[in-house]
Amino acid sequence: ITSGGSTNYAVSVKGRFTISKDNAKTTVY
């Protein structure tokens, strides 16, 4: 995930996994 929120995934997990981030908590999920 980029600073602007753009995401990319491995084919093997696409549609099942979601990467996200909380800017206030400086935490990636």
PDB file of all heavy atoms in Angstrom:
ATOM      1  N   ILE A   1       0.849  -1.188   0.000  1.00  0.00           N
ATOM      2  CA  ILE A   1       0.000   0.000   0.000  1.00  0.00           C
ATOM      3  C   ILE A   1       0.883   1.235   0.000  1.00  0.00           C
ATOM      4  O   ILE A   1       1.851   1.334   0.756  1.00  0.00           O
ATOM      5  CB  ILE A   1      -0.980  -0.004   1.193  1.00  0.00           C
ATOM      6  CG1 ILE A   1      -1.956   1.171   1.107  1.00  0.00           C
ATOM      7  CG2 ILE A   1      -0.238  -0.013   2.531  1.00  0.00           C
ATOM      8  CD1 ILE A   1      -3.136   1.045   2.060  1.00  0.00           C
ATOM      9  N   THR A   2       0.554   2.194  -0.857  1.00  0.00           N
ATOM     10  CA  THR A   2       1.315   3.425  -0.958  1.00  0.00           C
ATOM     11  C   THR A   2       0.806   4.452   0.042  1.00  0.00           C
ATOM     12  O   THR A   2      -0.230   4.284   0.675  1.00  0.00           O
ATOM     13  CB  THR A   2       1.220   4.019  -2.365  1.00  0.00           C
ATOM     14  OG1 THR A   2      -0.117   4.501  -2.589  1.00  0.00           O
ATOM     15  CG2 THR A   2       1.559   2.976  -3.423  1.00  0.00           C
ATOM     16  N   SER A   3       1.543   5.548   0.160  1.00  0.00           N
ATOM     17  CA  SER A   3       1.124   6.619   1.053  1.00  0.00           C
ATOM     18  C   SER A   3      -0.232   7.184   0.659  1.00  0.00           C
ATOM     19  O   SER A   3      -0.982   7.655   1.520  1.00  0.00           O
ATOM     20  CB  SER A   3       2.169   7.730   1.080  1.00  0.00           C
ATOM     21  OG  SER A   3       2.370   8.285  -0.209  1.00  0.00           O
ATOM     22  N   GLY A   4      -0.541   7.132  -0.627  1.00  0.00           N
ATOM     23  CA  GLY A   4      -1.821   7.624  -1.104  1.00  0.00           C
ATOM     24  C   GLY A   4      -2.952   6.627  -1.015  1.00  0.00           C
ATOM     25  O   GLY A   4      -4.097   6.963  -1.337  1.00  0.00           O
ATOM     26  N   GLY A   5      -2.652   5.395  -0.605  1.00  0.00           N
ATOM     27  CA  GLY A   5      -3.685   4.398  -0.424  1.00  0.00           C
ATOM     28  C   GLY A   5      -3.858   3.424  -1.571  1.00  0.00           C
ATOM     29  O   GLY A   5      -4.746   2.565  -1.511  1.00  0.00           O
ATOM     30  N   SER A   6      -3.044   3.527  -2.602  1.00  0.00           N
ATOM     31  CA  SER A   6      -3.105   2.556  -3.685  1.00  0.00           C
ATOM     32  C   SER A   6      -2.574   1.213  -3.208  1.00  0.00           C
ATOM     33  O   SER A   6      -1.602   1.151  -2.455  1.00  0.00           O
ATOM     34  CB  SER A   6      -2.298   3.034  -4.885  1.00  0.00           C
ATOM     35  OG  SER A   6      -2.833   4.233  -5.410  1.00  0.00           O
ATOM     36  N   THR A   7      -3.200   0.136  -3.657  1.00  0.00           N
ATOM     37  CA  THR A   7      -2.850  -1.203  -3.182  1.00  0.00           C
ATOM     38  C   THR A   7      -2.541  -2.136  -4.335  1.00  0.00           C
ATOM     39  O   THR A   7      -2.982  -1.923  -5.466  1.00  0.00           O
ATOM     40  CB  THR A   7      -3.985  -1.808  -2.348  1.00  0.00           C
ATOM     41  OG1 THR A   7      -5.173  -1.902  -3.155  1.00  0.00           O
ATOM     42  CG2 THR A   7      -4.283  -0.947  -1.132  1.00  0.00           C
ATOM     43  N   ASN A   8      -1.782  -3.169  -4.025  1.00  0.00           N
ATOM     44  CA  ASN A   8      -1.561  -4.257  -4.957  1.00  0.00           C
ATOM     45  C   ASN A   8      -1.439  -5.555  -4.176  1.00  0.00           C
ATOM     46  O   ASN A   8      -1.082  -5.548  -2.988  1.00  0.00           O
ATOM     47  CB  ASN A   8      -0.333  -4.014  -5.834  1.00  0.00           C
ATOM     48  CG  ASN A   8       0.965  -4.148  -5.072  1.00  0.00           C
ATOM     49  OD1 ASN A   8       1.275  -3.337  -4.194  1.00  0.00           O
ATOM     50  ND2 ASN A   8       1.745  -5.172  -5.401  1.00  0.00           N
ATOM     51  N   TYR A   9      -1.729  -6.676  -4.855  1.00  0.00           N
ATOM     52  CA  TYR A   9      -1.788  -7.967  -4.196  1.00  0.00           C
ATOM     53  C   TYR A   9      -1.173  -9.048  -5.058  1.00  0.00           C
ATOM     54  O   TYR A   9      -1.211  -8.979  -6.292  1.00  0.00           O
ATOM     55  CB  TYR A   9      -3.237  -8.365  -3.905  1.00  0.00           C
ATOM     56  CG  TYR A   9      -3.972  -7.405  -3.011  1.00  0.00           C
ATOM     57  CD1 TYR A   9      -4.701  -6.347  -3.544  1.00  0.00           C
ATOM     58  CD2 TYR A   9      -3.938  -7.563  -1.632  1.00  0.00           C
ATOM     59  CE1 TYR A   9      -5.373  -5.466  -2.716  1.00  0.00           C
ATOM     60  CE2 TYR A   9      -4.607  -6.680  -0.804  1.00  0.00           C
ATOM     61  CZ  TYR A   9      -5.324  -5.638  -1.350  1.00  0.00           C
ATOM     62  OH  TYR A   9      -5.994  -4.758  -0.526  1.00  0.00           O
ATOM     63  N   ALA A  10      -0.636 -10.045  -4.400  1.00  0.00           N
ATOM     64  CA  ALA A  10      -0.251 -11.252  -5.102  1.00  0.00           C
ATOM     65  C   ALA A  10      -1.501 -11.934  -5.643  1.00  0.00           C
ATOM     66  O   ALA A  10      -2.569 -11.884  -5.025  1.00  0.00           O
ATOM     67  CB  ALA A  10       0.502 -12.195  -4.167  1.00  0.00           C
ATOM     68  N   VAL A  11      -1.365 -12.571  -6.786  1.00  0.00           N
ATOM     69  CA  VAL A  11      -2.498 -13.262  -7.392  1.00  0.00           C
ATOM     70  C   VAL A  11      -3.100 -14.284  -6.431  1.00  0.00           C
ATOM     71  O   VAL A  11      -4.326 -14.458  -6.370  1.00  0.00           O
ATOM     72  CB  VAL A  11      -2.083 -13.935  -8.708  1.00  0.00           C
ATOM     73  CG1 VAL A  11      -3.198 -14.823  -9.244  1.00  0.00           C
ATOM     74  CG2 VAL A  11      -1.696 -12.890  -9.736  1.00  0.00           C
ATOM     75  N   SER A  12      -2.266 -14.939  -5.657  1.00  0.00           N
ATOM     76  CA  SER A  12      -2.721 -16.002  -4.780  1.00  0.00           C
ATOM     77  C   SER A  12      -3.652 -15.525  -3.669  1.00  0.00           C
ATOM     78  O   SER A  12      -4.390 -16.331  -3.100  1.00  0.00           O
ATOM     79  CB  SER A  12      -1.523 -16.729  -4.171  1.00  0.00           C
ATOM     80  OG  SER A  12      -0.713 -15.832  -3.429  1.00  0.00           O
ATOM     81  N   VAL A  13      -3.619 -14.239  -3.342  1.00  0.00           N
ATOM     82  CA  VAL A  13      -4.443 -13.722  -2.251  1.00  0.00           C
ATOM     83  C   VAL A  13      -5.469 -12.700  -2.706  1.00  0.00           C
ATOM     84  O   VAL A  13      -6.314 -12.277  -1.905  1.00  0.00           O
ATOM     85  CB  VAL A  13      -3.585 -13.108  -1.127  1.00  0.00           C
ATOM     86  CG1 VAL A  13      -2.526 -14.096  -0.664  1.00  0.00           C
ATOM     87  CG2 VAL A  13      -2.956 -11.794  -1.567  1.00  0.00           C
ATOM     88  N   LYS A  14      -5.425 -12.312  -3.955  1.00  0.00           N
ATOM     89  CA  LYS A  14      -6.332 -11.285  -4.454  1.00  0.00           C
ATOM     90  C   LYS A  14      -7.782 -11.731  -4.276  1.00  0.00           C
ATOM     91  O   LYS A  14      -8.153 -12.853  -4.609  1.00  0.00           O
ATOM     92  CB  LYS A  14      -6.034 -10.985  -5.919  1.00  0.00           C
ATOM     93  CG  LYS A  14      -6.769  -9.773  -6.474  1.00  0.00           C
ATOM     94  CD  LYS A  14      -6.277  -9.415  -7.871  1.00  0.00           C
ATOM     95  CE  LYS A  14      -4.820  -8.975  -7.857  1.00  0.00           C
ATOM     96  NZ  LYS A  14      -4.360  -8.544  -9.204  1.00  0.00           N
ATOM     97  N   GLY A  15      -8.587 -10.829  -3.756  1.00  0.00           N
ATOM     98  CA  GLY A  15      -9.985 -11.122  -3.498  1.00  0.00           C
ATOM     99  C   GLY A  15     -10.252 -11.687  -2.124  1.00  0.00           C
ATOM    100  O   GLY A  15     -11.409 -11.733  -1.688  1.00  0.00           O
ATOM    101  N   ARG A  16      -9.203 -12.121  -1.431  1.00  0.00           N
ATOM    102  CA  ARG A  16      -9.349 -12.678  -0.090  1.00  0.00           C
ATOM    103  C   ARG A  16      -8.703 -11.818   0.983  1.00  0.00           C
ATOM    104  O   ARG A  16      -9.205 -11.737   2.097  1.00  0.00           O
ATOM    105  CB  ARG A  16      -8.759 -14.090  -0.030  1.00  0.00           C
ATOM    106  CG  ARG A  16      -9.425 -15.075  -0.979  1.00  0.00           C
ATOM    107  CD  ARG A  16      -8.906 -16.495  -0.759  1.00  0.00           C
ATOM    108  NE  ARG A  16      -7.462 -16.597  -1.027  1.00  0.00           N
ATOM    109  CZ  ARG A  16      -6.558 -16.942  -0.114  1.00  0.00           C
ATOM    110  NH1 ARG A  16      -6.931 -17.226   1.131  1.00  0.00           N
ATOM    111  NH2 ARG A  16      -5.274 -17.014  -0.439  1.00  0.00           N
ATOM    112  N   PHE A  17      -7.583 -11.198   0.646  1.00  0.00           N
ATOM    113  CA  PHE A  17      -6.844 -10.370   1.597  1.00  0.00           C
ATOM    114  C   PHE A  17      -7.030  -8.897   1.259  1.00  0.00           C
ATOM    115  O   PHE A  17      -7.157  -8.527   0.087  1.00  0.00           O
ATOM    116  CB  PHE A  17      -5.347 -10.680   1.555  1.00  0.00           C
ATOM    117  CG  PHE A  17      -4.952 -12.026   2.087  1.00  0.00           C
ATOM    118  CD1 PHE A  17      -5.889 -13.002   2.401  1.00  0.00           C
ATOM    119  CD2 PHE A  17      -3.609 -12.315   2.277  1.00  0.00           C
ATOM    120  CE1 PHE A  17      -5.510 -14.241   2.881  1.00  0.00           C
ATOM    121  CE2 PHE A  17      -3.212 -13.553   2.763  1.00  0.00           C
ATOM    122  CZ  PHE A  17      -4.163 -14.515   3.065  1.00  0.00           C
ATOM    123  N   THR A  18      -7.009  -8.061   2.280  1.00  0.00           N
ATOM    124  CA  THR A  18      -7.089  -6.621   2.094  1.00  0.00           C
ATOM    125  C   THR A  18      -6.035  -5.933   2.950  1.00  0.00           C
ATOM    126  O   THR A  18      -6.014  -6.118   4.166  1.00  0.00           O
ATOM    127  CB  THR A  18      -8.477  -6.080   2.473  1.00  0.00           C
ATOM    128  OG1 THR A  18      -9.485  -6.728   1.696  1.00  0.00           O
ATOM    129  CG2 THR A  18      -8.539  -4.575   2.219  1.00  0.00           C
ATOM    130  N   ILE A  19      -5.177  -5.154   2.319  1.00  0.00           N
ATOM    131  CA  ILE A  19      -4.226  -4.342   3.054  1.00  0.00           C
ATOM    132  C   ILE A  19      -4.813  -2.955   3.237  1.00  0.00           C
ATOM    133  O   ILE A  19      -5.438  -2.404   2.331  1.00  0.00           O
ATOM    134  CB  ILE A  19      -2.857  -4.283   2.344  1.00  0.00           C
ATOM    135  CG1 ILE A  19      -1.817  -3.580   3.221  1.00  0.00           C
ATOM    136  CG2 ILE A  19      -2.964  -3.628   0.975  1.00  0.00           C
ATOM    137  CD1 ILE A  19      -0.396  -3.675   2.683  1.00  0.00           C
ATOM    138  N   SER A  20      -4.617  -2.394   4.412  1.00  0.00           N
ATOM    139  CA  SER A  20      -5.120  -1.059   4.704  1.00  0.00           C
ATOM    140  C   SER A  20      -4.206  -0.406   5.721  1.00  0.00           C
ATOM    141  O   SER A  20      -3.293  -1.040   6.254  1.00  0.00           O
ATOM    142  CB  SER A  20      -6.564  -1.110   5.220  1.00  0.00           C
ATOM    143  OG  SER A  20      -6.639  -1.820   6.438  1.00  0.00           O
ATOM    144  N   LYS A  21      -4.462   0.862   5.991  1.00  0.00           N
ATOM    145  CA  LYS A  21      -3.662   1.554   6.989  1.00  0.00           C
ATOM    146  C   LYS A  21      -4.488   2.611   7.689  1.00  0.00           C
ATOM    147  O   LYS A  21      -5.469   3.128   7.147  1.00  0.00           O
ATOM    148  CB  LYS A  21      -2.414   2.183   6.368  1.00  0.00           C
ATOM    149  CG  LYS A  21      -2.699   3.217   5.296  1.00  0.00           C
ATOM    150  CD  LYS A  21      -1.406   3.842   4.794  1.00  0.00           C
ATOM    151  CE  LYS A  21      -1.687   4.925   3.760  1.00  0.00           C
ATOM    152  NZ  LYS A  21      -0.452   5.659   3.396  1.00  0.00           N
ATOM    153  N   ASP A  22      -4.090   2.916   8.900  1.00  0.00           N
ATOM    154  CA  ASP A  22      -4.708   3.958   9.702  1.00  0.00           C
ATOM    155  C   ASP A  22      -3.641   5.019   9.922  1.00  0.00           C
ATOM    156  O   ASP A  22      -2.677   4.799  10.663  1.00  0.00           O
ATOM    157  CB  ASP A  22      -5.212   3.389  11.025  1.00  0.00           C
ATOM    158  CG  ASP A  22      -5.989   4.403  11.843  1.00  0.00           C
ATOM    159  OD1 ASP A  22      -5.598   5.582  11.891  1.00  0.00           O
ATOM    160  OD2 ASP A  22      -7.002   4.004  12.453  1.00  0.00           O
ATOM    161  N   ASN A  23      -3.806   6.153   9.285  1.00  0.00           N
ATOM    162  CA  ASN A  23      -2.788   7.192   9.356  1.00  0.00           C
ATOM    163  C   ASN A  23      -2.642   7.778  10.762  1.00  0.00           C
ATOM    164  O   ASN A  23      -1.545   8.142  11.174  1.00  0.00           O
ATOM    165  CB  ASN A  23      -3.102   8.304   8.365  1.00  0.00           C
ATOM    166  CG  ASN A  23      -2.966   7.858   6.931  1.00  0.00           C
ATOM    167  OD1 ASN A  23      -2.158   6.984   6.607  1.00  0.00           O
ATOM    168  ND2 ASN A  23      -3.746   8.467   6.046  1.00  0.00           N
ATOM    169  N   ALA A  24      -3.744   7.870  11.481  1.00  0.00           N
ATOM    170  CA  ALA A  24      -3.695   8.413  12.832  1.00  0.00           C
ATOM    171  C   ALA A  24      -2.923   7.503  13.772  1.00  0.00           C
ATOM    172  O   ALA A  24      -2.214   7.973  14.665  1.00  0.00           O
ATOM    173  CB  ALA A  24      -5.104   8.656  13.357  1.00  0.00           C
ATOM    174  N   LYS A  25      -3.080   6.198  13.588  1.00  0.00           N
ATOM    175  CA  LYS A  25      -2.407   5.225  14.442  1.00  0.00           C
ATOM    176  C   LYS A  25      -1.077   4.762  13.872  1.00  0.00           C
ATOM    177  O   LYS A  25      -0.374   3.992  14.531  1.00  0.00           O
ATOM    178  CB  LYS A  25      -3.310   4.014  14.659  1.00  0.00           C
ATOM    179  CG  LYS A  25      -4.597   4.326  15.397  1.00  0.00           C
ATOM    180  CD  LYS A  25      -5.448   3.075  15.564  1.00  0.00           C
ATOM    181  CE  LYS A  25      -6.732   3.376  16.315  1.00  0.00           C
ATOM    182  NZ  LYS A  25      -7.577   2.158  16.458  1.00  0.00           N
ATOM    183  N   THR A  26      -0.728   5.220  12.696  1.00  0.00           N
ATOM    184  CA  THR A  26       0.470   4.765  11.964  1.00  0.00           C
ATOM    185  C   THR A  26       0.586   3.244  12.031  1.00  0.00           C
ATOM    186  O   THR A  26       1.634   2.699  12.389  1.00  0.00           O
ATOM    187  CB  THR A  26       1.756   5.453  12.462  1.00  0.00           C
ATOM    188  OG1 THR A  26       2.046   5.096  13.823  1.00  0.00           O
ATOM    189  CG2 THR A  26       1.629   6.962  12.347  1.00  0.00           C
ATOM    190  N   THR A  27      -0.495   2.586  11.651  1.00  0.00           N
ATOM    191  CA  THR A  27      -0.575   1.144  11.696  1.00  0.00           C
ATOM    192  C   THR A  27      -1.045   0.612  10.353  1.00  0.00           C
ATOM    193  O   THR A  27      -1.964   1.173   9.748  1.00  0.00           O
ATOM    194  CB  THR A  27      -1.534   0.680  12.804  1.00  0.00           C
ATOM    195  OG1 THR A  27      -1.038   1.116  14.074  1.00  0.00           O
ATOM    196  CG2 THR A  27      -1.666  -0.831  12.817  1.00  0.00           C
ATOM    197  N   VAL A  28      -0.413  -0.450   9.910  1.00  0.00           N
ATOM    198  CA  VAL A  28      -0.782  -1.143   8.680  1.00  0.00           C
ATOM    199  C   VAL A  28      -1.461  -2.452   9.046  1.00  0.00           C
ATOM    200  O   VAL A  28      -1.037  -3.136   9.984  1.00  0.00           O
ATOM    201  CB  VAL A  28       0.448  -1.410   7.801  1.00  0.00           C
ATOM    202  CG1 VAL A  28       0.044  -2.071   6.493  1.00  0.00           C
ATOM    203  CG2 VAL A  28       1.193  -0.112   7.519  1.00  0.00           C
ATOM    204  N   TYR A  29      -2.494  -2.811   8.307  1.00  0.00           N
ATOM    205  CA  TYR A  29      -3.261  -4.013   8.582  1.00  0.00           C
ATOM    206  C   TYR A  29      -3.274  -4.942   7.377  1.00  0.00           C
ATOM    207  O   TYR A  29      -3.168  -4.508   6.235  1.00  0.00           O
ATOM    208  CB  TYR A  29      -4.713  -3.673   8.928  1.00  0.00           C
ATOM    209  CG  TYR A  29      -4.870  -2.714  10.071  1.00  0.00           C
ATOM    210  CD1 TYR A  29      -5.042  -1.355   9.839  1.00  0.00           C
ATOM    211  CD2 TYR A  29      -4.851  -3.164  11.386  1.00  0.00           C
ATOM    212  CE1 TYR A  29      -5.189  -0.467  10.891  1.00  0.00           C
ATOM    213  CE2 TYR A  29      -4.998  -2.288  12.439  1.00  0.00           C
ATOM    214  CZ  TYR A  29      -5.171  -0.937  12.187  1.00  0.00           C
ATOM    215  OH  TYR A  29      -5.322  -0.062  13.241  1.00  0.00           O
TER     216      TYR A  29
END
